[in-house]
N, C-alpha and C. Protein backbone atom coordinates (compact mmCIF):
# COMPACT_ATOMS: atom_id res chain seq x y z
N MET A 1 -7.56 4.20 10.74
CA MET A 1 -6.95 4.20 9.56
C MET A 1 -6.35 3.14 9.30
N TYR A 2 -5.81 2.35 10.21
CA TYR A 2 -5.29 1.08 9.32
C TYR A 2 -6.23 -0.28 9.64
N ASP A 3 -7.48 0.15 9.81
CA ASP A 3 -8.47 -0.84 9.66
C ASP A 3 -8.53 -0.96 8.10
N ALA A 4 -7.81 -0.22 7.27
CA ALA A 4 -7.87 -0.32 5.37
C ALA A 4 -7.08 -1.57 5.17
N ILE A 5 -6.35 -2.08 5.92
CA ILE A 5 -5.09 -2.89 5.92
C ILE A 5 -5.67 -4.06 6.30
N THR A 6 -6.32 -4.85 5.52
CA THR A 6 -6.72 -6.12 5.57
C THR A 6 -5.88 -7.34 5.49
N PRO A 7 -6.12 -8.31 6.53
CA PRO A 7 -5.43 -9.69 6.42
C PRO A 7 -5.21 -10.12 5.11
N GLU A 8 -6.35 -9.82 4.10
CA GLU A 8 -6.15 -10.70 2.94
C GLU A 8 -4.94 -9.27 2.09
N MET A 9 -5.03 -7.98 2.46
CA MET A 9 -4.03 -7.32 1.72
C MET A 9 -2.56 -7.72 2.11
N ILE A 10 -2.22 -7.98 3.41
CA ILE A 10 -1.05 -8.18 4.09
C ILE A 10 -0.60 -9.80 3.09
N GLU A 11 -1.85 -10.67 3.15
CA GLU A 11 -1.28 -11.91 2.31
C GLU A 11 -1.13 -11.43 1.19
N THR A 12 -1.63 -10.65 0.27
CA THR A 12 -1.33 -10.12 -0.97
C THR A 12 0.09 -9.65 -1.05
N ILE A 13 0.23 -8.63 -0.16
CA ILE A 13 1.74 -7.93 -0.49
C ILE A 13 2.72 -9.06 0.00
N ASP A 14 2.43 -9.98 0.76
CA ASP A 14 3.06 -11.27 1.01
C ASP A 14 4.03 -11.64 -0.23
N LYS A 15 3.04 -12.12 -0.83
CA LYS A 15 3.39 -12.75 -2.12
C LYS A 15 3.01 -12.25 -3.52
N ALA A 16 3.27 -10.77 -3.56
CA ALA A 16 3.20 -9.86 -4.34
C ALA A 16 4.41 -10.47 -5.77
N GLY A 17 5.71 -10.96 -5.09
CA GLY A 17 6.56 -11.53 -6.43
C GLY A 17 5.99 -12.65 -7.27
N THR A 18 5.33 -13.56 -6.49
CA THR A 18 4.65 -14.78 -7.08
C THR A 18 3.66 -13.94 -8.10
N LEU A 19 2.69 -13.20 -7.22
CA LEU A 19 1.52 -12.70 -7.91
C LEU A 19 1.92 -12.11 -9.33
N ALA A 20 2.99 -11.51 -9.26
CA ALA A 20 3.42 -10.89 -10.48
C ALA A 20 4.15 -11.53 -11.64
N ASP A 21 4.24 -12.74 -11.27
CA ASP A 21 4.70 -13.72 -12.44
C ASP A 21 3.68 -14.83 -12.86
N THR A 22 2.04 -14.43 -12.69
CA THR A 22 0.75 -14.98 -12.95
C THR A 22 0.38 -14.04 -14.10
N PRO A 23 -0.79 -14.81 -14.82
CA PRO A 23 -1.36 -14.07 -15.98
C PRO A 23 -1.96 -12.89 -15.29
N ASP A 24 -2.21 -12.12 -16.39
CA ASP A 24 -2.67 -10.28 -15.66
C ASP A 24 -3.81 -10.59 -14.91
N SER A 25 -4.92 -11.62 -15.44
CA SER A 25 -6.17 -11.51 -14.38
C SER A 25 -5.85 -12.08 -13.18
N ASP A 26 -5.06 -12.59 -13.20
CA ASP A 26 -4.88 -13.13 -11.62
C ASP A 26 -4.20 -12.24 -11.06
N ARG A 27 -3.60 -10.80 -11.12
CA ARG A 27 -3.05 -9.68 -10.30
C ARG A 27 -4.07 -9.01 -9.70
N ARG A 28 -5.28 -8.89 -10.22
CA ARG A 28 -6.41 -8.00 -9.49
C ARG A 28 -6.29 -7.87 -7.68
N PRO A 29 -5.80 -8.95 -7.16
CA PRO A 29 -5.79 -8.70 -5.51
C PRO A 29 -4.57 -7.48 -5.68
N LEU A 30 -3.50 -7.61 -6.23
CA LEU A 30 -2.41 -6.72 -6.16
C LEU A 30 -3.39 -5.19 -5.93
N ALA A 31 -4.06 -4.96 -7.19
CA ALA A 31 -4.89 -3.57 -7.68
C ALA A 31 -5.73 -3.33 -6.20
N HIS A 32 -6.23 -4.26 -5.51
CA HIS A 32 -7.00 -3.96 -4.52
C HIS A 32 -6.31 -3.64 -3.07
N ALA A 33 -4.94 -4.21 -3.08
CA ALA A 33 -4.14 -4.03 -1.99
C ALA A 33 -3.56 -2.76 -2.47
N ALA A 34 -3.06 -2.02 -3.28
CA ALA A 34 -2.49 -0.88 -3.48
C ALA A 34 -3.62 -0.01 -3.40
N ALA A 35 -4.93 -0.17 -3.57
CA ALA A 35 -5.86 0.61 -3.50
C ALA A 35 -5.97 1.02 -1.83
N GLY A 36 -6.17 -0.22 -1.29
CA GLY A 36 -6.17 0.11 0.39
C GLY A 36 -5.04 0.77 0.72
N LEU A 37 -3.61 0.23 0.28
CA LEU A 37 -2.62 1.12 1.20
C LEU A 37 -2.78 2.15 0.50
N GLU A 38 -3.14 2.92 -0.39
CA GLU A 38 -3.12 4.44 -0.73
C GLU A 38 -4.37 4.98 0.06
N ARG A 39 -5.52 4.48 0.18
CA ARG A 39 -6.57 4.85 1.32
C ARG A 39 -5.76 5.14 2.78
N ALA A 40 -4.96 4.18 2.87
CA ALA A 40 -4.68 4.29 4.29
C ALA A 40 -3.63 5.21 4.57
N ALA A 41 -2.85 5.61 3.53
CA ALA A 41 -1.76 6.52 3.68
C ALA A 41 -2.51 8.05 3.49
N ALA A 42 -3.47 8.15 2.54
CA ALA A 42 -4.23 9.35 2.65
C ALA A 42 -5.19 9.63 3.93
N ALA A 43 -5.60 8.45 4.91
CA ALA A 43 -6.11 8.97 5.89
C ALA A 43 -5.13 9.22 7.32
N VAL A 44 -3.79 8.81 7.09
CA VAL A 44 -2.63 9.04 7.96
C VAL A 44 -2.18 10.63 7.64
N ALA A 45 -2.13 10.77 6.19
CA ALA A 45 -1.80 12.22 5.87
C ALA A 45 -3.07 13.19 6.52
N THR A 46 -4.01 12.78 6.37
CA THR A 46 -5.22 13.77 6.88
C THR A 46 -5.10 13.81 8.49
N GLN A 47 -4.47 13.15 8.75
CA GLN A 47 -4.60 12.96 10.69
C GLN A 47 -3.05 13.68 11.07
N ALA A 48 -2.28 13.42 10.47
CA ALA A 48 -0.71 14.34 10.37
C ALA A 48 -1.14 15.78 10.36
N ALA A 49 -2.10 16.25 9.64
CA ALA A 49 -2.08 17.37 9.12
C ALA A 49 -2.92 18.07 10.18
N LYS A 50 -3.32 17.56 11.07
CA LYS A 50 -4.31 18.07 12.33
C LYS A 50 -3.02 18.30 13.61
N VAL A 51 -2.13 17.39 13.60
CA VAL A 51 -1.26 17.31 14.78
C VAL A 51 -0.24 18.65 14.64
N SER A 52 -0.24 18.84 16.13
CA SER A 52 0.66 20.17 16.42
C SER A 52 1.86 19.86 16.57
N ASP A 53 2.54 18.82 17.09
CA ASP A 53 3.96 17.98 17.14
C ASP A 53 4.74 17.59 16.21
N PRO A 54 5.53 18.34 15.98
CA PRO A 54 6.55 18.31 15.03
C PRO A 54 7.09 16.97 14.68
N MET A 55 7.38 16.36 15.75
CA MET A 55 8.09 15.12 15.70
C MET A 55 6.88 14.36 15.29
N ALA A 56 5.48 13.85 15.94
CA ALA A 56 4.47 13.21 15.36
C ALA A 56 4.13 13.28 14.20
N ARG A 57 4.22 14.50 13.66
CA ARG A 57 3.83 14.45 12.14
C ARG A 57 4.99 14.23 11.22
N GLN A 58 6.18 14.13 11.74
CA GLN A 58 7.18 13.40 11.05
C GLN A 58 7.36 12.23 10.70
N GLN A 59 6.73 11.50 12.02
CA GLN A 59 6.65 10.04 12.40
C GLN A 59 5.26 9.68 11.58
N ALA A 60 4.26 10.42 10.91
CA ALA A 60 3.13 10.09 10.35
C ALA A 60 3.59 10.30 8.87
N THR A 61 4.53 11.09 8.69
CA THR A 61 4.77 11.26 7.21
C THR A 61 5.70 9.80 7.04
N THR A 62 6.63 9.62 7.81
CA THR A 62 7.31 8.40 7.61
C THR A 62 6.52 7.04 7.07
N VAL A 63 5.27 7.08 7.96
CA VAL A 63 4.08 6.14 7.84
C VAL A 63 3.88 6.35 6.17
N VAL A 64 3.26 7.77 5.92
CA VAL A 64 2.66 7.95 4.80
C VAL A 64 3.60 7.02 3.82
N ASP A 65 4.96 7.75 3.65
CA ASP A 65 6.25 7.09 2.61
C ASP A 65 5.89 5.88 2.66
N GLY A 66 6.01 5.35 3.85
CA GLY A 66 5.81 3.70 3.69
C GLY A 66 4.68 2.73 2.89
N LEU A 67 3.77 3.42 3.43
CA LEU A 67 2.45 2.80 2.84
C LEU A 67 2.30 3.46 0.97
N SER A 68 2.68 4.45 0.92
CA SER A 68 2.81 4.80 -0.58
C SER A 68 3.89 3.83 -1.33
N ALA A 69 5.29 4.00 -0.73
CA ALA A 69 5.67 3.06 -1.49
C ALA A 69 5.37 1.50 -1.55
N ALA A 70 4.75 0.90 -0.61
CA ALA A 70 4.23 -0.55 -0.76
C ALA A 70 2.85 -0.37 -2.01
N ALA A 71 2.21 0.77 -1.81
CA ALA A 71 1.21 0.42 -2.91
C ALA A 71 1.96 0.86 -4.48
N GLN A 72 2.86 1.42 -4.38
CA GLN A 72 3.44 1.52 -5.78
C GLN A 72 4.29 0.30 -6.09
N LEU A 73 4.86 -0.15 -5.04
CA LEU A 73 5.29 -1.64 -5.45
C LEU A 73 4.24 -2.93 -6.16
N CYS A 74 3.21 -2.46 -5.24
CA CYS A 74 1.67 -3.65 -5.89
C CYS A 74 1.85 -3.01 -7.47
N ARG A 75 1.69 -1.77 -7.22
CA ARG A 75 1.05 -1.59 -9.03
C ARG A 75 2.52 -1.76 -9.93
N ALA A 76 3.77 -1.53 -9.57
CA ALA A 76 4.97 -2.40 -10.40
C ALA A 76 4.60 -3.84 -10.66
N ALA A 77 4.28 -4.17 -9.50
CA ALA A 77 4.11 -5.81 -9.82
C ALA A 77 3.08 -6.23 -10.90
N ILE A 78 1.91 -5.41 -11.03
CA ILE A 78 0.63 -5.34 -11.93
C ILE A 78 1.51 -5.32 -13.26
N ASP A 79 1.74 -4.33 -13.41
CA ASP A 79 2.69 -3.97 -14.54
C ASP A 79 3.65 -4.88 -15.29
N THR A 80 4.23 -5.46 -14.33
CA THR A 80 5.65 -6.57 -14.76
C THR A 80 4.85 -7.75 -15.53
N ARG A 81 5.98 -7.87 -16.68
CA ARG A 81 5.09 -9.08 -17.72
C ARG A 81 5.88 -10.23 -17.03
N PRO A 82 5.04 -11.12 -17.04
CA PRO A 82 6.24 -12.64 -16.93
C PRO A 82 6.66 -13.02 -18.12
N GLU A 83 8.02 -13.75 -17.99
CA GLU A 83 9.02 -14.29 -19.32
C GLU A 83 8.53 -15.35 -19.77
């Protein structure tokens, strides 16, 4: 499930602030990173639904929340307009 988070995505997330200050066409990596993070979150959520241990399910939910939040930040950076 974490295979969806590639080194390129990590690099994109690391420089999300810088990418937000670039022209719209240069923000495409943020969209790719957001999509990958959303896929990873969905995969973790699917696996969590199969787990019977409540603590493990809660931990997986926390991971899903973190991946989803990172995807939202990438999407927000796409929508940001440089001044």
